[in-house]
């Protein structure tokens, strides 16, 4: 199976994201953090398919450790990072609209 086929194998599956509060595809979860999976992907998708073995196939050992073996960030830190990202995206969108 090619790398792109492997990546797309579960991409259209839908789930309600506890972080975003909306329906999202696995494709989003798979690349949510700068091209790496959401740190919650294992917990969210384990009842739908063998997500751990799937992600271990497509991630390097370093990527796996970075996403799933690192200690969890405090909620406040995560919230501030989400706010910062949203503000940056809004600012970038406004700059694009002016051009």
Foldseek 3Di string as FASTA:
>chain_A
DDLVCLLCVQFADWDQDPVVRHIHGVNCQCQVDVGHGALCCCVRCVVPDPVVVSNPVNDDPVSCCVRHVDDDDPPVVVVVVVVVVVVVVVVVVVVVVVD
